[in-house]
């Protein structure tokens, strides 16, 4: 929660739920992990410094058979708002998320998510005056693409389907957000 606005920093989490539920991701400052998880899948990916490391770790967590729980009655407060897009976040987002998609997901799904995410980030870059940072992120993505494919370790197909059905950057969810009708299919 942003302590100044008291709004959730992760707009894709269900705001009206009272019980814990299965989820696809976690907020970096608000995760609690079992030691056995780190022992089995390793720690955070060194290729993803920040901004996207949660997605990478979540995909590996789900693929290893662990679940992720969202517990809405536990609140984490940050002293600095992370909701505003800036150049640093734009460049990292434009490069890190597609790297994760291409490392773990099927090629068609990685392509779909990359295209819809980059279109959405382009719109955000224009609106937030971070177009130069967007281009830097794209350049980094292209520069690292071959190396990233060498590290490719696709996750199980059932996990890809489950995860991508909830993930905000699917083409359907992108269109819903543009129309102001975004809604996640909570279980």
Protein backbone atom coordinates (compact mmCIF):
# COMPACT_ATOMS: atom_id res chain seq x y z
CA UNK A 1 0.00 0.00 0.00
CA UNK A 2 1.24 3.45 -0.82
CA UNK A 3 1.24 5.15 2.61
CA UNK A 4 0.43 8.53 1.08
CA UNK A 5 -2.55 7.64 -1.07
CA UNK A 6 -3.50 4.47 0.87
CA UNK A 7 -4.07 2.78 -2.51
CA UNK A 8 -2.84 -0.67 -3.46
CA UNK A 9 0.36 -0.52 -5.48
CA UNK A 10 -0.62 -3.59 -7.45
CA UNK A 11 -3.81 -2.76 -9.29
CA UNK A 12 -4.21 -6.31 -10.57
CA UNK A 13 -4.77 -7.80 -7.12
CA UNK A 14 -8.37 -8.30 -6.07
CA UNK A 15 -9.28 -5.45 -3.76
CA UNK A 16 -12.58 -6.80 -2.46
CA UNK A 17 -11.54 -10.29 -1.38
CA UNK A 18 -11.49 -11.17 2.33
CA UNK A 19 -9.99 -14.67 2.22
CA UNK A 20 -6.60 -15.83 1.02
CA UNK A 21 -6.58 -17.27 -2.46
CA UNK A 22 -4.31 -18.90 -5.03
CA UNK A 23 -2.51 -16.37 -7.15
CA UNK A 24 0.10 -16.12 -9.92
CA UNK A 25 2.53 -13.53 -8.56
CA UNK A 26 3.60 -11.59 -5.50
CA UNK A 27 4.73 -8.08 -4.66
CA UNK A 28 8.47 -8.01 -4.00
CA UNK A 29 8.25 -6.22 -0.69
CA UNK A 30 5.44 -8.42 0.56
CA UNK A 31 6.47 -12.02 0.04
CA UNK A 32 7.03 -14.69 2.66
CA UNK A 33 8.77 -17.85 1.47
CA UNK A 34 9.55 -21.29 2.78
CA UNK A 35 13.26 -22.06 2.96
CA UNK A 36 12.61 -25.28 1.03
CA UNK A 37 11.43 -23.22 -1.95
CA UNK A 38 14.81 -21.50 -2.27
CA UNK A 39 16.58 -24.80 -1.77
CA UNK A 40 14.61 -26.35 -4.62
CA UNK A 41 14.38 -23.61 -7.26
CA UNK A 42 17.21 -21.30 -6.25
CA UNK A 43 17.11 -17.63 -5.45
CA UNK A 44 16.12 -14.66 -7.56
CA UNK A 45 17.38 -14.63 -11.14
CA UNK A 46 20.61 -12.64 -11.42
CA UNK A 47 19.66 -11.58 -14.96
CA UNK A 48 16.65 -9.65 -13.63
CA UNK A 49 17.99 -7.07 -11.17
CA UNK A 50 14.63 -5.52 -10.27
CA UNK A 51 11.27 -4.90 -11.90
CA UNK A 52 10.17 -8.31 -13.06
CA UNK A 53 12.07 -10.54 -10.66
CA UNK A 54 8.79 -11.44 -8.95
CA UNK A 55 7.33 -12.77 -12.21
CA UNK A 56 10.43 -14.85 -12.90
CA UNK A 57 10.44 -16.28 -9.36
CA UNK A 58 6.68 -16.89 -9.43
CA UNK A 59 6.83 -18.88 -12.66
CA UNK A 60 9.61 -21.08 -11.25
CA UNK A 61 7.67 -21.45 -7.98
CA UNK A 62 4.48 -22.60 -9.71
CA UNK A 63 6.43 -24.88 -12.04
CA UNK A 64 8.02 -26.61 -9.04
CA UNK A 65 4.57 -27.48 -7.69
CA UNK A 66 4.37 -24.82 -4.99
CA UNK A 67 1.41 -22.47 -4.74
CA UNK A 68 1.34 -18.73 -4.26
CA UNK A 69 -1.23 -17.34 -1.86
CA UNK A 70 -2.57 -13.82 -1.86
CA UNK A 71 -3.64 -12.80 1.64
CA UNK A 72 -5.57 -9.51 1.38
CA UNK A 73 -5.78 -8.76 5.09
CA UNK A 74 -1.98 -8.48 5.39
CA UNK A 75 -0.83 -4.99 4.42
CA UNK A 76 2.72 -3.96 3.57
CA UNK A 77 3.54 -0.26 3.68
CA UNK A 78 6.33 1.33 1.66
CA UNK A 79 7.81 4.71 2.38
CA UNK A 80 8.17 5.61 -1.31
CA UNK A 81 5.39 5.22 -3.83
CA UNK A 82 6.24 2.73 -6.57
CA UNK A 83 3.16 3.40 -8.67
CA UNK A 84 4.47 6.24 -10.84
CA UNK A 85 6.20 5.25 -14.05
CA UNK A 86 9.65 6.76 -14.44
CA UNK A 87 12.44 6.30 -16.98
CA UNK A 88 14.29 3.70 -14.91
CA UNK A 89 11.20 1.52 -14.47
CA UNK A 90 10.24 1.97 -18.12
CA UNK A 91 13.59 0.78 -19.46
CA UNK A 92 13.69 -2.21 -17.10
CA UNK A 93 10.08 -3.18 -17.78
CA UNK A 94 10.50 -3.01 -21.55
CA UNK A 95 13.46 -5.38 -21.38
CA UNK A 96 12.88 -7.61 -18.33
CA UNK A 97 9.33 -8.84 -18.84
CA UNK A 98 9.86 -10.04 -22.41
CA UNK A 99 13.09 -11.77 -21.28
CA UNK A 100 11.02 -13.73 -18.77
CA UNK A 101 8.34 -14.57 -21.34
CA UNK A 102 10.89 -15.92 -23.84
CA UNK A 103 12.78 -17.87 -21.19
CA UNK A 104 9.83 -19.76 -19.71
CA UNK A 105 6.82 -19.69 -22.03
CA UNK A 106 5.97 -21.31 -25.35
CA UNK A 107 7.04 -19.26 -28.36
CA UNK A 108 3.45 -18.32 -29.39
CA UNK A 109 2.57 -17.25 -25.85
CA UNK A 110 5.87 -15.37 -25.41
CA UNK A 111 5.25 -13.55 -28.70
CA UNK A 112 1.67 -12.64 -27.75
CA UNK A 113 2.66 -11.33 -24.32
CA UNK A 114 5.70 -9.46 -25.66
CA UNK A 115 3.74 -7.70 -28.39
CA UNK A 116 0.82 -6.70 -26.16
CA UNK A 117 3.14 -5.61 -23.33
CA UNK A 118 5.37 -3.55 -25.64
CA UNK A 119 2.35 -1.85 -27.21
CA UNK A 120 1.00 -1.01 -23.77
CA UNK A 121 4.41 0.18 -22.58
CA UNK A 122 4.74 2.33 -25.71
CA UNK A 123 1.43 4.03 -24.87
CA UNK A 124 2.56 4.52 -21.26
CA UNK A 125 5.95 5.83 -22.46
CA UNK A 126 4.27 8.45 -24.62
CA UNK A 127 1.92 9.45 -21.80
CA UNK A 128 4.71 9.62 -19.16
CA UNK A 129 7.37 11.19 -21.41
CA UNK A 130 9.66 8.16 -21.03
CA UNK A 131 9.92 7.23 -24.71
CA UNK A 132 13.74 7.41 -24.67
CA UNK A 133 13.83 4.96 -21.75
CA UNK A 134 11.40 2.69 -23.63
CA UNK A 135 13.78 2.64 -26.60
CA UNK A 136 16.72 1.89 -24.28
CA UNK A 137 14.72 -1.04 -22.85
CA UNK A 138 13.94 -2.38 -26.34
CA UNK A 139 17.62 -2.06 -27.31
CA UNK A 140 18.62 -4.00 -24.18
CA UNK A 141 16.02 -6.67 -24.94
CA UNK A 142 17.33 -7.10 -28.49
CA UNK A 143 20.96 -7.07 -27.36
CA UNK A 144 20.31 -9.79 -24.73
CA UNK A 145 17.86 -11.85 -26.81
CA UNK A 146 20.22 -14.56 -28.09
CA UNK A 147 21.81 -15.06 -24.66
CA UNK A 148 18.37 -15.25 -23.09
CA UNK A 149 17.25 -17.95 -25.52
CA UNK A 150 20.32 -20.00 -24.61
CA UNK A 151 19.05 -19.99 -21.02
CA UNK A 152 15.57 -21.03 -22.10
CA UNK A 153 13.89 -23.45 -19.67
CA UNK A 154 10.19 -23.71 -20.55
CA UNK A 155 7.81 -24.39 -17.70
CA UNK A 156 5.01 -26.96 -17.72
CA UNK A 157 2.20 -26.27 -20.18
CA UNK A 158 -0.51 -26.42 -17.48
CA UNK A 159 1.33 -23.74 -15.49
CA UNK A 160 1.67 -21.57 -18.62
CA UNK A 161 -2.08 -21.82 -19.21
CA UNK A 162 -2.98 -21.11 -15.57
CA UNK A 163 -0.52 -18.24 -15.23
CA UNK A 164 -1.26 -16.56 -18.56
CA UNK A 165 -5.03 -16.73 -17.99
CA UNK A 166 -4.56 -14.35 -15.05
CA UNK A 167 -1.55 -12.33 -16.20
CA UNK A 168 -2.33 -8.68 -17.01
CA UNK A 169 -0.40 -8.50 -20.29
CA UNK A 170 -2.39 -11.03 -22.28
CA UNK A 171 -3.91 -9.53 -25.40
CA UNK A 172 -7.46 -9.92 -24.04
CA UNK A 173 -6.59 -8.19 -20.76
CA UNK A 174 -4.72 -5.45 -22.64
CA UNK A 175 -7.85 -4.70 -24.68
CA UNK A 176 -10.01 -4.81 -21.54
CA UNK A 177 -7.71 -2.29 -19.83
CA UNK A 178 -7.81 0.04 -22.85
CA UNK A 179 -11.61 -0.12 -22.66
CA UNK A 180 -11.54 0.35 -18.88
CA UNK A 181 -13.02 -3.09 -18.27
CA UNK A 182 -10.14 -5.02 -16.76
CA UNK A 183 -11.17 -7.81 -14.47
CA UNK A 184 -9.20 -10.81 -13.37
CA UNK A 185 -10.81 -14.23 -13.22
CA UNK A 186 -10.24 -14.89 -9.51
CA UNK A 187 -10.51 -18.44 -8.18
